[in-house]
Amino acid sequence: MKKIKNKGRAGKTKSGELVLINGEGQIFPVDNVAVSIWYMCDGTVTSEDLVKEISQKTKQEESAVREMVDRLVGEMEKVGLMESIE
């Protein structure tokens, strides 16, 4: 299974809002959950690893967490904030 690696960088706006910035300098406002998942994607975890860890921490069913993780990772890949690696 492919590993997921974050790309770009995390930051805050002048007003303190969390953002992720891709390699092209595009800024994306995010919440704490999205930033936490982005940081977890260090190139050593798979989406299944993310699902298990988040499910354990939040005490939610893996199926519900999987939908959220797949959607979030997919969206971040589209805008250059994550990539799948071998």
N, C-alpha and C. Protein backbone atom coordinates (compact mmCIF):
# COMPACT_ATOMS: atom_id res chain seq x y z
N MET A 1 0.85 -1.19 0.00
CA MET A 1 0.00 0.00 0.00
C MET A 1 0.89 1.24 0.00
N LYS A 2 0.47 2.23 -0.74
CA LYS A 2 1.28 3.44 -0.87
C LYS A 2 1.25 4.27 0.42
N LYS A 3 2.38 4.89 0.67
CA LYS A 3 2.51 5.80 1.80
C LYS A 3 2.08 7.20 1.36
N ILE A 4 1.70 8.02 2.32
CA ILE A 4 1.26 9.38 2.02
C ILE A 4 2.25 10.37 2.64
N LYS A 5 2.66 11.33 1.83
CA LYS A 5 3.61 12.35 2.30
C LYS A 5 3.02 13.73 2.09
N ASN A 6 3.13 14.55 3.13
CA ASN A 6 2.65 15.93 2.99
C ASN A 6 3.63 16.74 2.14
N LYS A 7 3.11 17.77 1.53
CA LYS A 7 3.91 18.68 0.72
C LYS A 7 3.54 20.10 1.11
N GLY A 8 4.38 21.03 0.79
CA GLY A 8 4.10 22.41 1.14
C GLY A 8 4.47 22.69 2.58
N ARG A 9 3.75 23.63 3.17
CA ARG A 9 4.05 23.98 4.56
C ARG A 9 2.79 24.46 5.26
N ALA A 10 2.86 24.42 6.58
CA ALA A 10 1.75 24.89 7.41
C ALA A 10 2.10 26.29 7.91
N GLY A 11 1.07 27.07 8.19
CA GLY A 11 1.29 28.41 8.72
C GLY A 11 0.02 28.96 9.32
N LYS A 12 0.08 30.24 9.65
CA LYS A 12 -1.08 30.94 10.19
C LYS A 12 -1.20 32.29 9.51
N THR A 13 -2.43 32.76 9.39
CA THR A 13 -2.65 34.10 8.85
C THR A 13 -2.35 35.12 9.95
N LYS A 14 -2.36 36.38 9.60
CA LYS A 14 -2.13 37.43 10.60
C LYS A 14 -3.15 37.37 11.72
N SER A 15 -4.36 36.91 11.38
CA SER A 15 -5.40 36.82 12.40
C SER A 15 -5.37 35.50 13.17
N GLY A 16 -4.38 34.64 12.86
CA GLY A 16 -4.20 33.41 13.61
C GLY A 16 -4.90 32.18 13.05
N GLU A 17 -5.50 32.30 11.87
CA GLU A 17 -6.17 31.15 11.26
C GLU A 17 -5.14 30.19 10.67
N LEU A 18 -5.38 28.89 10.82
CA LEU A 18 -4.49 27.87 10.28
C LEU A 18 -4.63 27.79 8.77
N VAL A 19 -3.50 27.66 8.09
CA VAL A 19 -3.50 27.50 6.63
C VAL A 19 -2.43 26.48 6.23
N LEU A 20 -2.64 25.88 5.07
CA LEU A 20 -1.61 25.06 4.43
C LEU A 20 -1.28 25.76 3.12
N ILE A 21 0.00 25.75 2.77
CA ILE A 21 0.48 26.46 1.58
C ILE A 21 1.20 25.46 0.69
N ASN A 22 0.71 25.32 -0.55
CA ASN A 22 1.36 24.37 -1.46
C ASN A 22 2.62 24.97 -2.08
N GLY A 23 3.30 24.18 -2.89
CA GLY A 23 4.56 24.61 -3.50
C GLY A 23 4.43 25.78 -4.44
N GLU A 24 3.21 26.05 -4.91
CA GLU A 24 2.96 27.18 -5.81
C GLU A 24 2.57 28.44 -5.05
N GLY A 25 2.54 28.35 -3.71
CA GLY A 25 2.20 29.51 -2.90
C GLY A 25 0.71 29.71 -2.69
N GLN A 26 -0.12 28.76 -3.14
CA GLN A 26 -1.56 28.87 -2.90
C GLN A 26 -1.84 28.56 -1.43
N ILE A 27 -2.73 29.35 -0.85
CA ILE A 27 -3.04 29.24 0.57
C ILE A 27 -4.42 28.62 0.75
N PHE A 28 -4.51 27.63 1.63
CA PHE A 28 -5.76 26.93 1.89
C PHE A 28 -6.08 26.98 3.37
N PRO A 29 -7.19 27.63 3.75
CA PRO A 29 -7.61 27.64 5.15
C PRO A 29 -8.01 26.22 5.56
N VAL A 30 -7.59 25.81 6.74
CA VAL A 30 -7.89 24.47 7.24
C VAL A 30 -8.23 24.52 8.72
N ASP A 31 -8.80 23.43 9.21
CA ASP A 31 -9.09 23.34 10.64
C ASP A 31 -8.02 22.49 11.33
N ASN A 32 -8.14 22.35 12.64
CA ASN A 32 -7.15 21.59 13.42
C ASN A 32 -7.04 20.14 12.96
N VAL A 33 -8.18 19.54 12.60
CA VAL A 33 -8.17 18.14 12.17
C VAL A 33 -7.36 17.98 10.89
N ALA A 34 -7.61 18.84 9.91
CA ALA A 34 -6.89 18.76 8.64
C ALA A 34 -5.38 18.96 8.84
N VAL A 35 -5.00 19.92 9.66
CA VAL A 35 -3.58 20.16 9.92
C VAL A 35 -2.96 18.96 10.63
N SER A 36 -3.66 18.39 11.58
CA SER A 36 -3.15 17.22 12.30
C SER A 36 -2.90 16.06 11.34
N ILE A 37 -3.86 15.80 10.46
CA ILE A 37 -3.71 14.72 9.49
C ILE A 37 -2.56 15.04 8.54
N TRP A 38 -2.47 16.30 8.10
CA TRP A 38 -1.38 16.70 7.20
C TRP A 38 -0.02 16.41 7.85
N TYR A 39 0.12 16.77 9.14
CA TYR A 39 1.39 16.51 9.84
C TYR A 39 1.67 15.02 9.98
N MET A 40 0.63 14.22 10.18
CA MET A 40 0.81 12.77 10.34
C MET A 40 1.35 12.13 9.06
N CYS A 41 1.09 12.74 7.93
CA CYS A 41 1.49 12.18 6.63
C CYS A 41 2.94 12.54 6.34
N ASP A 42 3.84 11.81 6.98
CA ASP A 42 5.27 12.11 6.88
C ASP A 42 6.00 11.19 5.92
N GLY A 43 5.23 10.42 5.14
CA GLY A 43 5.84 9.50 4.20
C GLY A 43 6.03 8.10 4.75
N THR A 44 5.64 7.89 6.02
CA THR A 44 5.78 6.56 6.62
C THR A 44 4.43 5.90 6.89
N VAL A 45 3.33 6.60 6.65
CA VAL A 45 2.00 6.07 6.96
C VAL A 45 1.18 5.87 5.69
N THR A 46 0.28 4.90 5.74
CA THR A 46 -0.68 4.68 4.67
C THR A 46 -2.02 5.26 5.11
N SER A 47 -2.96 5.32 4.20
CA SER A 47 -4.28 5.82 4.57
C SER A 47 -4.91 4.90 5.61
N GLU A 48 -4.62 3.61 5.53
CA GLU A 48 -5.16 2.67 6.52
C GLU A 48 -4.57 2.94 7.91
N ASP A 49 -3.29 3.28 7.97
CA ASP A 49 -2.66 3.66 9.24
C ASP A 49 -3.37 4.87 9.84
N LEU A 50 -3.66 5.85 8.99
CA LEU A 50 -4.35 7.06 9.44
C LEU A 50 -5.73 6.72 10.00
N VAL A 51 -6.46 5.89 9.27
CA VAL A 51 -7.81 5.51 9.70
C VAL A 51 -7.77 4.85 11.07
N LYS A 52 -6.86 3.90 11.26
CA LYS A 52 -6.78 3.19 12.54
C LYS A 52 -6.43 4.13 13.68
N GLU A 53 -5.43 4.98 13.47
CA GLU A 53 -5.00 5.89 14.53
C GLU A 53 -6.10 6.89 14.90
N ILE A 54 -6.71 7.49 13.89
CA ILE A 54 -7.76 8.49 14.15
C ILE A 54 -8.97 7.82 14.80
N SER A 55 -9.31 6.63 14.34
CA SER A 55 -10.44 5.90 14.90
C SER A 55 -10.22 5.61 16.39
N GLN A 56 -9.01 5.20 16.72
CA GLN A 56 -8.68 4.92 18.13
C GLN A 56 -8.74 6.19 18.97
N LYS A 57 -8.19 7.29 18.45
CA LYS A 57 -8.14 8.53 19.22
C LYS A 57 -9.52 9.14 19.41
N THR A 58 -10.38 9.02 18.40
CA THR A 58 -11.68 9.67 18.47
C THR A 58 -12.81 8.73 18.88
N LYS A 59 -12.49 7.43 18.97
CA LYS A 59 -13.48 6.41 19.32
C LYS A 59 -14.65 6.38 18.33
N GLN A 60 -14.33 6.63 17.06
CA GLN A 60 -15.31 6.55 15.98
C GLN A 60 -15.09 5.27 15.19
N GLU A 61 -16.15 4.82 14.53
CA GLU A 61 -16.05 3.64 13.68
C GLU A 61 -15.05 3.90 12.55
N GLU A 62 -14.28 2.86 12.22
CA GLU A 62 -13.29 3.01 11.14
C GLU A 62 -13.93 3.38 9.82
N SER A 63 -15.14 2.87 9.55
CA SER A 63 -15.79 3.16 8.27
C SER A 63 -16.07 4.66 8.12
N ALA A 64 -16.52 5.29 9.18
CA ALA A 64 -16.79 6.74 9.13
C ALA A 64 -15.49 7.52 8.98
N VAL A 65 -14.46 7.10 9.70
CA VAL A 65 -13.17 7.78 9.63
C VAL A 65 -12.56 7.60 8.24
N ARG A 66 -12.71 6.40 7.67
CA ARG A 66 -12.13 6.12 6.35
C ARG A 66 -12.69 7.07 5.29
N GLU A 67 -13.99 7.32 5.32
CA GLU A 67 -14.60 8.24 4.36
C GLU A 67 -13.98 9.63 4.48
N MET A 68 -13.83 10.10 5.70
CA MET A 68 -13.27 11.43 5.94
C MET A 68 -11.81 11.49 5.51
N VAL A 69 -11.03 10.49 5.85
CA VAL A 69 -9.61 10.46 5.50
C VAL A 69 -9.44 10.39 3.98
N ASP A 70 -10.20 9.51 3.33
CA ASP A 70 -10.09 9.39 1.87
C ASP A 70 -10.44 10.70 1.18
N ARG A 71 -11.49 11.35 1.64
CA ARG A 71 -11.92 12.62 1.04
C ARG A 71 -10.86 13.70 1.26
N LEU A 72 -10.37 13.82 2.49
CA LEU A 72 -9.39 14.85 2.82
C LEU A 72 -8.08 14.63 2.08
N VAL A 73 -7.57 13.41 2.07
CA VAL A 73 -6.32 13.11 1.38
C VAL A 73 -6.49 13.37 -0.12
N GLY A 74 -7.62 12.96 -0.69
CA GLY A 74 -7.88 13.19 -2.11
C GLY A 74 -7.88 14.67 -2.45
N GLU A 75 -8.55 15.46 -1.62
CA GLU A 75 -8.60 16.90 -1.86
C GLU A 75 -7.22 17.52 -1.75
N MET A 76 -6.44 17.09 -0.76
CA MET A 76 -5.10 17.65 -0.58
C MET A 76 -4.17 17.24 -1.71
N GLU A 77 -4.33 16.02 -2.22
CA GLU A 77 -3.51 15.60 -3.36
C GLU A 77 -3.81 16.46 -4.59
N LYS A 78 -5.08 16.76 -4.82
CA LYS A 78 -5.48 17.55 -5.99
C LYS A 78 -4.85 18.94 -6.00
N VAL A 79 -4.66 19.52 -4.81
CA VAL A 79 -4.13 20.89 -4.74
C VAL A 79 -2.64 20.93 -4.39
N GLY A 80 -1.98 19.76 -4.37
CA GLY A 80 -0.55 19.74 -4.18
C GLY A 80 -0.08 19.83 -2.73
N LEU A 81 -0.93 19.38 -1.79
CA LEU A 81 -0.53 19.40 -0.38
C LEU A 81 -0.13 18.02 0.14
N MET A 82 -0.37 16.98 -0.67
CA MET A 82 0.02 15.62 -0.32
C MET A 82 0.33 14.86 -1.60
N GLU A 83 1.09 13.77 -1.44
CA GLU A 83 1.37 12.89 -2.56
C GLU A 83 1.50 11.46 -2.05
N SER A 84 1.16 10.53 -2.92
CA SER A 84 1.34 9.11 -2.61
C SER A 84 2.71 8.70 -3.11
N ILE A 85 3.44 7.96 -2.27
CA ILE A 85 4.78 7.52 -2.64
C ILE A 85 4.88 6.02 -2.44
N GLU A 86 5.86 5.41 -3.08
CA GLU A 86 6.05 3.96 -2.96
C GLU A 86 6.78 3.61 -1.69
